[in-house]
N, C-alpha and C. Protein backbone atom coordinates (compact mmCIF):
# COMPACT_ATOMS: atom_id res chain seq x y z
N MET A 1 -21.28 44.94 35.21
CA MET A 1 -21.92 44.55 36.56
C MET A 1 -23.63 45.56 36.39
N ALA A 2 -24.49 45.61 37.09
CA ALA A 2 -25.74 46.03 37.04
C ALA A 2 -25.54 47.14 37.87
N PRO A 3 -25.68 48.24 37.67
CA PRO A 3 -25.58 49.30 38.43
C PRO A 3 -26.12 49.01 40.08
N VAL A 4 -25.65 49.81 40.82
CA VAL A 4 -26.28 49.44 42.25
C VAL A 4 -26.75 50.73 42.78
N ILE A 5 -27.73 50.61 43.39
CA ILE A 5 -28.33 51.81 44.14
C ILE A 5 -28.02 50.62 45.85
N ALA A 6 -27.91 51.88 46.40
CA ALA A 6 -28.07 50.93 48.29
C ALA A 6 -28.65 52.13 48.87
N LEU A 7 -29.80 51.42 49.85
CA LEU A 7 -31.17 52.29 49.91
C LEU A 7 -30.89 52.10 51.39
N LEU A 8 -31.54 53.81 52.08
CA LEU A 8 -31.73 53.72 53.52
C LEU A 8 -32.51 54.31 53.74
N SER A 9 -33.39 54.36 54.60
CA SER A 9 -34.51 54.84 54.96
C SER A 9 -34.76 54.99 56.51
N ASP A 10 -35.84 55.80 56.96
CA ASP A 10 -36.68 55.83 57.99
C ASP A 10 -38.03 55.16 57.53
N PHE A 11 -38.43 54.50 56.22
CA PHE A 11 -39.82 53.96 55.97
C PHE A 11 -40.27 53.04 57.13
N GLY A 12 -39.22 52.02 57.51
CA GLY A 12 -40.01 50.94 57.93
C GLY A 12 -40.16 49.86 57.09
N TYR A 13 -40.73 48.87 57.67
CA TYR A 13 -41.27 47.79 56.61
C TYR A 13 -42.71 47.21 56.80
N ASP A 14 -43.44 48.20 57.80
CA ASP A 14 -44.72 48.30 58.23
C ASP A 14 -46.11 48.49 56.65
N ASP A 15 -45.14 48.65 55.90
CA ASP A 15 -45.92 49.57 54.71
C ASP A 15 -45.29 49.50 53.65
N PRO A 16 -46.06 49.69 52.51
CA PRO A 16 -45.61 48.71 51.36
C PRO A 16 -44.43 50.06 50.60
N TYR A 17 -44.10 51.39 51.11
CA TYR A 17 -43.02 52.46 50.73
C TYR A 17 -42.13 51.87 50.13
N VAL A 18 -41.66 51.07 50.84
CA VAL A 18 -40.09 50.31 50.17
C VAL A 18 -39.72 49.84 48.67
N GLY A 19 -41.04 49.05 48.78
CA GLY A 19 -41.45 48.38 47.63
C GLY A 19 -41.79 49.31 46.36
N ILE A 20 -42.16 50.09 47.01
CA ILE A 20 -43.00 51.27 45.51
C ILE A 20 -41.73 52.32 45.54
N MET A 21 -40.88 52.59 46.04
CA MET A 21 -39.58 53.29 45.92
C MET A 21 -38.89 52.11 44.75
N LYS A 22 -38.53 51.21 45.22
CA LYS A 22 -38.04 50.24 44.50
C LYS A 22 -38.65 50.21 42.96
N GLY A 23 -40.11 50.20 43.03
CA GLY A 23 -41.01 49.95 41.50
C GLY A 23 -40.55 51.00 40.81
N VAL A 24 -40.72 52.09 41.42
CA VAL A 24 -41.03 53.75 40.61
C VAL A 24 -39.18 53.37 39.72
N ILE A 25 -38.13 52.91 40.74
CA ILE A 25 -36.52 52.78 40.37
C ILE A 25 -36.90 51.94 39.38
N LEU A 26 -37.23 50.98 39.50
CA LEU A 26 -37.05 50.14 38.13
C LEU A 26 -38.15 50.30 37.19
N GLN A 27 -38.60 51.37 36.79
CA GLN A 27 -39.39 51.31 35.61
C GLN A 27 -38.60 52.69 34.84
N GLN A 28 -37.69 52.93 35.59
CA GLN A 28 -37.28 53.98 35.06
C GLN A 28 -35.75 53.87 34.59
N THR A 29 -35.14 52.70 35.30
CA THR A 29 -34.12 52.17 35.20
C THR A 29 -34.07 51.07 35.35
N PRO A 30 -34.03 49.54 34.41
CA PRO A 30 -34.53 48.26 34.24
C PRO A 30 -33.12 47.58 34.63
N GLY A 31 -33.19 46.65 35.28
CA GLY A 31 -31.92 45.95 35.59
C GLY A 31 -30.62 46.59 37.05
N ILE A 32 -31.34 47.00 37.47
CA ILE A 32 -30.45 48.09 38.46
C ILE A 32 -30.74 46.77 39.87
N GLN A 33 -29.93 47.09 40.38
CA GLN A 33 -29.34 45.90 41.37
C GLN A 33 -29.18 46.23 42.98
N PHE A 34 -30.28 46.55 43.72
CA PHE A 34 -30.91 47.19 45.02
C PHE A 34 -29.86 46.60 46.38
N ILE A 35 -29.73 47.28 47.28
CA ILE A 35 -28.97 46.77 48.12
C ILE A 35 -29.88 47.50 48.81
N ASP A 36 -30.80 46.54 50.19
CA ASP A 36 -31.15 47.55 51.67
C ASP A 36 -30.06 47.90 52.54
N LEU A 37 -29.36 48.80 52.75
CA LEU A 37 -28.82 48.91 53.81
C LEU A 37 -29.67 49.12 55.24
N GLY A 38 -30.88 49.55 54.90
CA GLY A 38 -31.61 49.38 56.43
C GLY A 38 -32.70 50.53 55.85
N HIS A 39 -33.99 49.63 56.54
CA HIS A 39 -35.31 51.01 56.58
C HIS A 39 -35.98 51.36 58.28
N ARG A 40 -35.26 51.15 58.72
CA ARG A 40 -35.27 51.25 60.17
C ARG A 40 -34.69 52.41 61.28
N VAL A 41 -34.20 53.18 60.46
CA VAL A 41 -33.60 54.39 60.99
C VAL A 41 -34.64 55.08 61.70
N ASN A 42 -34.35 55.75 62.84
CA ASN A 42 -35.02 56.34 64.04
C ASN A 42 -36.24 57.60 62.97
N ALA A 43 -37.43 57.41 63.01
CA ALA A 43 -38.34 58.56 62.39
C ALA A 43 -37.54 59.76 62.42
N GLY A 44 -36.94 60.61 61.10
CA GLY A 44 -36.43 62.11 61.33
C GLY A 44 -35.07 61.88 62.01
N ASP A 45 -34.47 60.57 62.18
CA ASP A 45 -33.23 61.35 63.37
C ASP A 45 -32.13 61.07 61.56
N ILE A 46 -31.85 62.31 61.41
CA ILE A 46 -30.60 62.57 60.32
C ILE A 46 -29.57 61.88 60.98
N LEU A 47 -28.76 62.18 62.15
CA LEU A 47 -27.67 62.13 62.44
C LEU A 47 -27.86 60.42 62.72
N GLN A 48 -28.78 60.01 62.97
CA GLN A 48 -28.30 58.26 63.07
C GLN A 48 -28.52 57.35 61.46
N GLY A 49 -29.00 58.18 60.46
CA GLY A 49 -29.13 57.61 59.16
C GLY A 49 -27.55 58.22 58.57
N ALA A 50 -27.01 59.40 58.60
CA ALA A 50 -26.14 59.77 58.34
C ALA A 50 -24.83 58.81 58.85
N LEU A 51 -24.60 58.49 60.37
CA LEU A 51 -23.72 57.90 60.69
C LEU A 51 -23.72 56.22 59.66
N GLN A 52 -25.25 55.35 60.06
CA GLN A 52 -25.11 54.47 59.36
C GLN A 52 -24.64 54.34 58.05
N LEU A 53 -24.83 55.32 57.03
CA LEU A 53 -24.20 55.44 55.04
C LEU A 53 -23.04 55.43 55.73
N ARG A 54 -21.90 56.24 56.80
CA ARG A 54 -20.74 56.37 57.20
C ARG A 54 -20.10 55.15 57.24
N SER A 55 -20.66 53.99 57.60
CA SER A 55 -20.40 53.32 58.21
C SER A 55 -20.19 51.86 57.11
N ALA A 56 -21.54 51.96 56.55
CA ALA A 56 -21.29 51.04 54.99
C ALA A 56 -20.68 51.76 53.99
N ALA A 57 -20.49 52.85 53.83
CA ALA A 57 -20.24 53.11 52.44
C ALA A 57 -18.69 53.06 51.81
N PRO A 58 -18.08 52.87 52.66
CA PRO A 58 -16.29 51.95 52.18
C PRO A 58 -16.75 50.54 51.98
N TYR A 59 -17.69 49.99 51.68
CA TYR A 59 -17.96 48.53 51.49
C TYR A 59 -18.46 48.23 50.28
N PHE A 60 -18.56 49.34 49.48
CA PHE A 60 -19.27 49.30 48.07
C PHE A 60 -18.83 49.48 47.21
N PRO A 61 -18.73 49.03 45.81
CA PRO A 61 -17.95 49.52 44.81
C PRO A 61 -18.03 50.80 44.31
N GLN A 62 -16.76 51.30 43.32
CA GLN A 62 -16.94 52.29 43.31
C GLN A 62 -18.37 52.53 42.08
N GLY A 63 -18.79 53.85 42.09
CA GLY A 63 -20.27 54.18 41.54
C GLY A 63 -21.42 53.83 41.76
N THR A 64 -21.56 52.72 43.00
CA THR A 64 -22.70 53.80 43.87
C THR A 64 -23.36 53.77 43.82
N VAL A 65 -24.76 54.19 43.50
CA VAL A 65 -25.61 54.90 44.27
C VAL A 65 -26.27 55.09 45.72
N PHE A 66 -25.98 55.83 46.77
CA PHE A 66 -26.56 55.92 47.88
C PHE A 66 -28.00 56.73 48.01
N LEU A 67 -28.93 56.02 48.25
CA LEU A 67 -29.84 57.00 47.96
C LEU A 67 -31.04 56.70 49.39
N CYS A 68 -30.56 57.68 50.16
CA CYS A 68 -30.94 58.02 51.72
C CYS A 68 -31.84 58.68 52.10
N VAL A 69 -32.97 58.22 52.52
CA VAL A 69 -34.42 59.35 52.98
C VAL A 69 -34.35 59.13 54.49
N VAL A 70 -34.51 60.12 54.81
CA VAL A 70 -34.89 60.33 56.30
C VAL A 70 -35.58 61.67 56.10
N ASP A 71 -37.03 61.69 57.01
CA ASP A 71 -37.30 63.38 56.64
C ASP A 71 -37.77 63.16 57.87
N PRO A 72 -37.14 64.65 58.64
CA PRO A 72 -37.51 64.78 60.19
C PRO A 72 -38.84 65.82 59.75
N GLY A 73 -39.14 66.05 58.68
CA GLY A 73 -40.76 66.73 58.56
C GLY A 73 -41.53 66.12 58.37
N VAL A 74 -41.91 64.49 58.29
CA VAL A 74 -42.84 64.01 58.10
C VAL A 74 -43.15 62.99 59.45
N GLY A 75 -44.55 62.79 59.68
CA GLY A 75 -44.90 61.95 60.57
C GLY A 75 -45.83 63.08 61.76
């Protein structure tokens, strides 16, 4: 099975940043499988992001990498 990266962020979908992040990762690790947990965490809301991650993580296979980006210092 291809390695899995589950993505969660406060990036939203109004700009290319989610796609850029995936492109950079794919350049370094071809064959990665991405799962988007969501990209609409309220801007800078670390607690909301943590709660979403906690609720989703048990449903993923062992070895999944969770890449979560919620930055209260941006914006």
